[in-house]
Amino acid sequence: MLSELTLSPTADIAETTYPIVETFHSVQGEGTWCGASAFFIRLAGCDVGCPWCDTKISWSTKPHPQQTMGELVKQAHTAQPFMVVITGGEPLMHDLAPLTQALRQAGLRIHLETSGAHPFSGEFDWVSLSPKRFKPPQSSIYAQADELKVVISTEDDLIWAQEQAAQVPVTTIKLLQPEWTSDHSQRLVFDYVKRHSGWRMSLQTHKFLGVR
């Protein structure tokens, strides 16, 4: 159990609140860390507006309750996951520095899933950048990307993906992820990855499993 002493250095900010769509313990369903035990903190608020978004419930902050940072850290610590994934919505609409500081003090590994459309904040062990054409990333985010994950719906998205790949470090893992409801996008990605060895195909395995 997380002791009060763990949070004592940041007790004043332990009451900092974030709008939370949901928290849950599952496995990472996509990307490089697919299959790893993960505790998800899904923050509300997003202004990117992807038409194929599967979490549109997260776009507005108004329907979702505020939870204190202390409560979030305790939930994550109790789950004892391999990693904590901060996702959204678009999590960088919020200042993530206090939350990541407290999670790190609790001994937790922290991953971020972001479109990069807002200024970078927080300290992470892994950053998954999923840029969107509807609201391109801030230029400062590219150097932070451990993983570039581009959702593909049309052939134009493949051009966008290559433009994004040119801006991340050479060590960044590059992934193409088909738009879930489109057989056409699955074929586009499958064929493209076969021809371009620098890319991998990412599938949303949690949807095949029927879990969150």
C-alpha atoms as a PDB file:
ATOM      1  CA  MET A   1       0.000   0.000   0.000  1.00  0.00           C
ATOM      2  CA  LEU A   2       1.286   3.466  -0.869  1.00  0.00           C
ATOM      3  CA  SER A   3       2.352   5.207   2.294  1.00  0.00           C
ATOM      4  CA  GLU A   4       1.595   8.823   3.123  1.00  0.00           C
ATOM      5  CA  LEU A   5       5.344   9.313   3.477  1.00  0.00           C
ATOM      6  CA  THR A   6       5.807   8.624  -0.234  1.00  0.00           C
ATOM      7  CA  LEU A   7       3.760  11.686  -1.116  1.00  0.00           C
ATOM      8  CA  SER A   8       4.983  13.904   1.704  1.00  0.00           C
ATOM      9  CA  PRO A   9       7.564  15.822  -0.392  1.00  0.00           C
ATOM     10  CA  THR A  10       4.747  16.924  -2.700  1.00  0.00           C
ATOM     11  CA  ALA A  11       1.884  16.951  -0.209  1.00  0.00           C
ATOM     12  CA  ASP A  12       0.833  20.453  -1.247  1.00  0.00           C
ATOM     13  CA  ILE A  13       0.285  19.380  -4.839  1.00  0.00           C
ATOM     14  CA  ALA A  14      -1.251  16.002  -3.991  1.00  0.00           C
ATOM     15  CA  GLU A  15      -4.640  17.755  -4.174  1.00  0.00           C
ATOM     16  CA  THR A  16      -4.004  18.920  -7.750  1.00  0.00           C
ATOM     17  CA  THR A  17      -6.899  17.606  -9.823  1.00  0.00           C
ATOM     18  CA  TYR A  18      -7.296  16.328 -13.373  1.00  0.00           C
ATOM     19  CA  PRO A  19     -10.502  15.596 -15.355  1.00  0.00           C
ATOM     20  CA  ILE A  20     -10.633  11.812 -15.649  1.00  0.00           C
ATOM     21  CA  VAL A  21     -12.612   9.824 -18.207  1.00  0.00           C
ATOM     22  CA  GLU A  22     -11.535   6.504 -16.700  1.00  0.00           C
ATOM     23  CA  THR A  23      -8.752   4.597 -15.008  1.00  0.00           C
ATOM     24  CA  PHE A  24      -8.310   0.874 -15.497  1.00  0.00           C
ATOM     25  CA  HIS A  25      -5.767  -1.933 -15.351  1.00  0.00           C
ATOM     26  CA  SER A  26      -5.334  -3.943 -18.537  1.00  0.00           C
ATOM     27  CA  VAL A  27      -2.587  -4.733 -21.027  1.00  0.00           C
ATOM     28  CA  GLN A  28      -1.230  -2.337 -23.600  1.00  0.00           C
ATOM     29  CA  GLY A  29      -3.122  -3.210 -26.754  1.00  0.00           C
ATOM     30  CA  GLU A  30      -1.005  -1.524 -29.413  1.00  0.00           C
ATOM     31  CA  GLY A  31       2.439  -0.268 -30.286  1.00  0.00           C
ATOM     32  CA  THR A  32       5.866  -1.363 -29.142  1.00  0.00           C
ATOM     33  CA  TRP A  33       4.758  -2.394 -25.654  1.00  0.00           C
ATOM     34  CA  CYS A  34       1.768  -4.446 -26.827  1.00  0.00           C
ATOM     35  CA  GLY A  35       0.904  -7.113 -24.258  1.00  0.00           C
ATOM     36  CA  ALA A  36       2.568  -5.454 -21.257  1.00  0.00           C
ATOM     37  CA  SER A  37       0.625  -4.933 -18.015  1.00  0.00           C
ATOM     38  CA  ALA A  38      -0.534  -1.320 -17.963  1.00  0.00           C
ATOM     39  CA  PHE A  39      -2.556   0.959 -15.708  1.00  0.00           C
ATOM     40  CA  PHE A  40      -4.280   3.554 -17.870  1.00  0.00           C
ATOM     41  CA  ILE A  41      -5.104   7.098 -16.791  1.00  0.00           C
ATOM     42  CA  ARG A  42      -7.353   8.578 -19.479  1.00  0.00           C
ATOM     43  CA  LEU A  43      -7.560  12.355 -19.187  1.00  0.00           C
ATOM     44  CA  ALA A  44     -10.498  14.309 -20.585  1.00  0.00           C
ATOM     45  CA  GLY A  45     -10.093  17.097 -23.091  1.00  0.00           C
ATOM     46  CA  CYS A  46      -9.108  17.007 -26.754  1.00  0.00           C
ATOM     47  CA  ASP A  47      -9.244  19.634 -29.503  1.00  0.00           C
ATOM     48  CA  VAL A  48      -7.686  17.586 -32.310  1.00  0.00           C
ATOM     49  CA  GLY A  49     -11.008  16.204 -33.595  1.00  0.00           C
ATOM     50  CA  CYS A  50     -10.116  13.042 -35.506  1.00  0.00           C
ATOM     51  CA  PRO A  51     -13.304  11.876 -37.292  1.00  0.00           C
ATOM     52  CA  TRP A  52     -12.478   8.182 -36.695  1.00  0.00           C
ATOM     53  CA  CYS A  53     -11.624   8.677 -33.001  1.00  0.00           C
ATOM     54  CA  ASP A  54     -12.793   5.732 -30.850  1.00  0.00           C
ATOM     55  CA  THR A  55     -12.793   7.770 -27.605  1.00  0.00           C
ATOM     56  CA  LYS A  56     -14.875  10.806 -28.546  1.00  0.00           C
ATOM     57  CA  ILE A  57     -16.309  10.654 -25.037  1.00  0.00           C
ATOM     58  CA  SER A  58     -12.994  12.161 -23.935  1.00  0.00           C
ATOM     59  CA  TRP A  59     -13.203  15.304 -26.062  1.00  0.00           C
ATOM     60  CA  SER A  60     -15.012  17.499 -23.522  1.00  0.00           C
ATOM     61  CA  THR A  61     -13.865  17.879 -19.924  1.00  0.00           C
ATOM     62  CA  LYS A  62     -17.331  18.868 -18.652  1.00  0.00           C
ATOM     63  CA  PRO A  63     -18.961  15.413 -18.165  1.00  0.00           C
ATOM     64  CA  HIS A  64     -15.980  13.956 -16.344  1.00  0.00           C
ATOM     65  CA  PRO A  65     -15.159  14.176 -12.632  1.00  0.00           C
ATOM     66  CA  GLN A  66     -11.992  15.684 -11.273  1.00  0.00           C
ATOM     67  CA  GLN A  67      -9.718  13.327  -9.370  1.00  0.00           C
ATOM     68  CA  THR A  68      -6.837  14.386  -7.185  1.00  0.00           C
ATOM     69  CA  MET A  69      -3.317  13.511  -8.130  1.00  0.00           C
ATOM     70  CA  GLY A  70      -2.969  11.662  -4.839  1.00  0.00           C
ATOM     71  CA  GLU A  71      -5.948   9.446  -5.687  1.00  0.00           C
ATOM     72  CA  LEU A  72      -4.551   8.660  -9.130  1.00  0.00           C
ATOM     73  CA  VAL A  73      -1.139   7.716  -7.768  1.00  0.00           C
ATOM     74  CA  LYS A  74      -2.670   5.415  -5.150  1.00  0.00           C
ATOM     75  CA  GLN A  75      -4.817   3.662  -7.764  1.00  0.00           C
ATOM     76  CA  ALA A  76      -1.828   3.133 -10.034  1.00  0.00           C
ATOM     77  CA  HIS A  77       0.408   1.903  -7.224  1.00  0.00           C
ATOM     78  CA  THR A  78      -2.234  -0.550  -5.990  1.00  0.00           C
ATOM     79  CA  ALA A  79      -2.500  -2.093  -9.474  1.00  0.00           C
ATOM     80  CA  GLN A  80       1.249  -2.842  -9.531  1.00  0.00           C
ATOM     81  CA  PRO A  81       1.502  -2.662 -13.344  1.00  0.00           C
ATOM     82  CA  PHE A  82       4.617  -2.784 -15.443  1.00  0.00           C
ATOM     83  CA  MET A  83       3.812   0.763 -16.556  1.00  0.00           C
ATOM     84  CA  VAL A  84       1.353   3.610 -16.127  1.00  0.00           C
ATOM     85  CA  VAL A  85       0.030   4.983 -19.427  1.00  0.00           C
ATOM     86  CA  ILE A  86      -1.209   8.572 -19.460  1.00  0.00           C
ATOM     87  CA  THR A  87      -3.533   8.941 -22.417  1.00  0.00           C
ATOM     88  CA  GLY A  88      -6.639  10.818 -23.501  1.00  0.00           C
ATOM     89  CA  GLY A  89      -8.171  12.749 -25.075  1.00  0.00           C
ATOM     90  CA  GLU A  90      -5.067  14.798 -25.554  1.00  0.00           C
ATOM     91  CA  PRO A  91      -3.182  14.620 -22.250  1.00  0.00           C
ATOM     92  CA  LEU A  92      -0.786  17.467 -23.066  1.00  0.00           C
ATOM     93  CA  MET A  93      -3.693  19.899 -22.768  1.00  0.00           C
ATOM     94  CA  HIS A  94      -2.872  19.567 -19.051  1.00  0.00           C
ATOM     95  CA  ASP A  95       0.319  20.244 -17.102  1.00  0.00           C
ATOM     96  CA  LEU A  96       1.567  16.713 -16.509  1.00  0.00           C
ATOM     97  CA  ALA A  97       4.659  17.658 -14.504  1.00  0.00           C
ATOM     98  CA  PRO A  98       3.037  17.290 -11.040  1.00  0.00           C
ATOM     99  CA  LEU A  99       1.390  13.966 -11.916  1.00  0.00           C
ATOM    100  CA  THR A 100       4.490  12.391 -13.439  1.00  0.00           C
ATOM    101  CA  GLN A 101       6.633  13.613 -10.539  1.00  0.00           C
ATOM    102  CA  ALA A 102       4.324  11.923  -8.032  1.00  0.00           C
ATOM    103  CA  LEU A 103       4.074   8.705 -10.073  1.00  0.00           C
ATOM    104  CA  ARG A 104       7.857   8.551 -10.314  1.00  0.00           C
ATOM    105  CA  GLN A 105       8.208   9.091  -6.562  1.00  0.00           C
ATOM    106  CA  ALA A 106       5.929   6.080  -6.136  1.00  0.00           C
ATOM    107  CA  GLY A 107       8.391   3.998  -8.162  1.00  0.00           C
ATOM    108  CA  LEU A 108       6.222   3.685 -11.266  1.00  0.00           C
ATOM    109  CA  ARG A 109       7.279   3.563 -14.912  1.00  0.00           C
ATOM    110  CA  ILE A 110       5.410   6.212 -16.934  1.00  0.00           C
ATOM    111  CA  HIS A 111       4.397   6.193 -20.609  1.00  0.00           C
ATOM    112  CA  LEU A 112       2.665   8.957 -22.570  1.00  0.00           C
ATOM    113  CA  GLU A 113       0.339   8.680 -25.566  1.00  0.00           C
ATOM    114  CA  THR A 114      -0.039  12.032 -27.328  1.00  0.00           C
ATOM    115  CA  SER A 115      -0.719  13.718 -30.642  1.00  0.00           C
ATOM    116  CA  GLY A 116       1.865  16.328 -29.667  1.00  0.00           C
ATOM    117  CA  ALA A 117      -0.536  19.155 -30.484  1.00  0.00           C
ATOM    118  CA  HIS A 118       0.201  20.984 -27.204  1.00  0.00           C
ATOM    119  CA  PRO A 119       3.424  21.930 -25.389  1.00  0.00           C
ATOM    120  CA  PHE A 120       5.292  19.049 -23.815  1.00  0.00           C
ATOM    121  CA  SER A 121       5.199  18.675 -20.028  1.00  0.00           C
ATOM    122  CA  GLY A 122       6.128  15.925 -17.607  1.00  0.00           C
ATOM    123  CA  GLU A 123       8.875  13.328 -17.304  1.00  0.00           C
ATOM    124  CA  PHE A 124       8.377   9.975 -19.038  1.00  0.00           C
ATOM    125  CA  ASP A 125      10.119   6.667 -19.615  1.00  0.00           C
ATOM    126  CA  TRP A 126       8.444   6.304 -23.006  1.00  0.00           C
ATOM    127  CA  VAL A 127       6.670   8.735 -25.328  1.00  0.00           C
ATOM    128  CA  SER A 128       4.374   7.460 -28.051  1.00  0.00           C
ATOM    129  CA  LEU A 129       3.751  10.248 -30.559  1.00  0.00           C
ATOM    130  CA  SER A 130       0.696   9.782 -32.762  1.00  0.00           C
ATOM    131  CA  PRO A 131       0.558  12.942 -34.906  1.00  0.00           C
ATOM    132  CA  LYS A 132      -2.667  13.987 -36.574  1.00  0.00           C
ATOM    133  CA  ARG A 133      -3.101  15.979 -39.774  1.00  0.00           C
ATOM    134  CA  PHE A 134      -6.096  17.774 -38.251  1.00  0.00           C
ATOM    135  CA  LYS A 135      -3.844  19.554 -35.717  1.00  0.00           C
ATOM    136  CA  PRO A 136      -0.124  18.947 -36.318  1.00  0.00           C
ATOM    137  CA  PRO A 137       2.355  18.478 -33.476  1.00  0.00           C
ATOM    138  CA  GLN A 138       4.361  21.203 -31.793  1.00  0.00           C
ATOM    139  CA  SER A 139       7.896  21.153 -33.182  1.00  0.00           C
ATOM    140  CA  SER A 140       9.425  20.518 -29.746  1.00  0.00           C
ATOM    141  CA  ILE A 141       7.696  17.130 -29.376  1.00  0.00           C
ATOM    142  CA  TYR A 142       9.593  15.284 -32.106  1.00  0.00           C
ATOM    143  CA  ALA A 143      12.831  14.938 -30.155  1.00  0.00           C
ATOM    144  CA  GLN A 144      10.877  13.327 -27.294  1.00  0.00           C
ATOM    145  CA  ALA A 145       9.376  10.535 -29.401  1.00  0.00           C
ATOM    146  CA  ASP A 146      10.478   6.990 -28.585  1.00  0.00           C
ATOM    147  CA  GLU A 147       7.736   5.685 -30.857  1.00  0.00           C
ATOM    148  CA  LEU A 148       6.009   7.267 -33.847  1.00  0.00           C
ATOM    149  CA  LYS A 149       2.573   5.745 -34.414  1.00  0.00           C
ATOM    150  CA  VAL A 150       0.594   7.060 -37.371  1.00  0.00           C
ATOM    151  CA  VAL A 151      -3.024   6.061 -37.972  1.00  0.00           C
ATOM    152  CA  ILE A 152      -3.653   5.350 -41.649  1.00  0.00           C
ATOM    153  CA  SER A 153      -7.017   5.852 -43.287  1.00  0.00           C
ATOM    154  CA  THR A 154      -6.104   6.888 -46.846  1.00  0.00           C
ATOM    155  CA  GLU A 155      -3.054   6.927 -49.111  1.00  0.00           C
ATOM    156  CA  ASP A 156      -2.491  10.597 -48.235  1.00  0.00           C
ATOM    157  CA  ASP A 157      -1.877   9.502 -44.642  1.00  0.00           C
ATOM    158  CA  LEU A 158       1.119   7.479 -45.833  1.00  0.00           C
ATOM    159  CA  ILE A 159       2.669  10.665 -47.243  1.00  0.00           C
ATOM    160  CA  TRP A 160       1.970  12.398 -43.918  1.00  0.00           C
ATOM    161  CA  ALA A 161       3.599   9.507 -42.076  1.00  0.00           C
ATOM    162  CA  GLN A 162       6.814   9.862 -44.070  1.00  0.00           C
ATOM    163  CA  GLU A 163       6.872  13.607 -43.417  1.00  0.00           C
ATOM    164  CA  GLN A 164       6.538  12.943 -39.695  1.00  0.00           C
ATOM    165  CA  ALA A 165       9.194  10.226 -39.745  1.00  0.00           C
ATOM    166  CA  ALA A 166      11.702  12.707 -41.167  1.00  0.00           C
ATOM    167  CA  GLN A 167      11.411  14.806 -37.996  1.00  0.00           C
ATOM    168  CA  VAL A 168      11.942  12.199 -35.272  1.00  0.00           C
ATOM    169  CA  PRO A 169      15.296  10.745 -34.088  1.00  0.00           C
ATOM    170  CA  VAL A 170      16.707   7.850 -36.090  1.00  0.00           C
ATOM    171  CA  THR A 171      16.234   5.614 -33.042  1.00  0.00           C
ATOM    172  CA  THR A 172      12.475   6.215 -32.940  1.00  0.00           C
ATOM    173  CA  ILE A 173      10.408   3.106 -33.665  1.00  0.00           C
ATOM    174  CA  LYS A 174       8.060   3.822 -36.563  1.00  0.00           C
ATOM    175  CA  LEU A 175       4.601   2.236 -36.644  1.00  0.00           C
ATOM    176  CA  LEU A 176       1.657   2.416 -39.029  1.00  0.00           C
ATOM    177  CA  GLN A 177      -1.735   1.591 -37.547  1.00  0.00           C
ATOM    178  CA  PRO A 178      -4.774   0.909 -39.751  1.00  0.00           C
ATOM    179  CA  GLU A 179      -7.988   2.774 -39.017  1.00  0.00           C
ATOM    180  CA  TRP A 180      -9.967   0.123 -37.156  1.00  0.00           C
ATOM    181  CA  THR A 181     -13.171   0.048 -39.218  1.00  0.00           C
ATOM    182  CA  SER A 182     -11.526   0.149 -42.647  1.00  0.00           C
ATOM    183  CA  ASP A 183     -10.448  -2.974 -44.545  1.00  0.00           C
ATOM    184  CA  HIS A 184      -8.943  -0.647 -47.151  1.00  0.00           C
ATOM    185  CA  SER A 185      -6.603   0.979 -44.616  1.00  0.00           C
ATOM    186  CA  GLN A 186      -5.523  -2.429 -43.342  1.00  0.00           C
ATOM    187  CA  ARG A 187      -4.481  -3.413 -46.868  1.00  0.00           C
ATOM    188  CA  LEU A 188      -2.727  -0.067 -47.387  1.00  0.00           C
ATOM    189  CA  VAL A 189      -0.625  -0.559 -44.260  1.00  0.00           C
ATOM    190  CA  PHE A 190       0.071  -4.233 -44.947  1.00  0.00           C
ATOM    191  CA  ASP A 191       1.334  -3.530 -48.460  1.00  0.00           C
ATOM    192  CA  TYR A 192       3.285  -0.423 -47.436  1.00  0.00           C
ATOM    193  CA  VAL A 193       5.159  -2.124 -44.598  1.00  0.00           C
ATOM    194  CA  LYS A 194       6.182  -4.956 -46.923  1.00  0.00           C
ATOM    195  CA  ARG A 195       7.776  -2.388 -49.245  1.00  0.00           C
ATOM    196  CA  HIS A 196       9.272  -0.101 -46.560  1.00  0.00           C
ATOM    197  CA  SER A 197      11.340  -2.005 -44.028  1.00  0.00           C
ATOM    198  CA  GLY A 198      11.759   0.970 -41.695  1.00  0.00           C
ATOM    199  CA  TRP A 199       8.104   0.727 -40.673  1.00  0.00           C
ATOM    200  CA  ARG A 200       6.172  -1.807 -38.599  1.00  0.00           C
ATOM    201  CA  MET A 201       2.452  -2.571 -38.557  1.00  0.00           C
ATOM    202  CA  SER A 202       0.617  -1.859 -35.297  1.00  0.00           C
ATOM    203  CA  LEU A 203      -2.732  -3.523 -34.579  1.00  0.00           C
ATOM    204  CA  GLN A 204      -5.216  -2.698 -31.827  1.00  0.00           C
ATOM    205  CA  THR A 205      -5.106  -6.139 -30.243  1.00  0.00           C
ATOM    206  CA  HIS A 206      -7.329  -5.149 -27.310  1.00  0.00           C
ATOM    207  CA  LYS A 207     -10.204  -4.801 -29.768  1.00  0.00           C
ATOM    208  CA  PHE A 208      -9.644  -8.320 -31.058  1.00  0.00           C
ATOM    209  CA  LEU A 209      -9.633  -9.518 -27.433  1.00  0.00           C
ATOM    210  CA  GLY A 210     -12.740  -7.513 -26.557  1.00  0.00           C
ATOM    211  CA  VAL A 211     -11.092  -5.749 -23.610  1.00  0.00           C
ATOM    212  CA  ARG A 212     -10.245  -2.148 -22.815  1.00  0.00           C
END
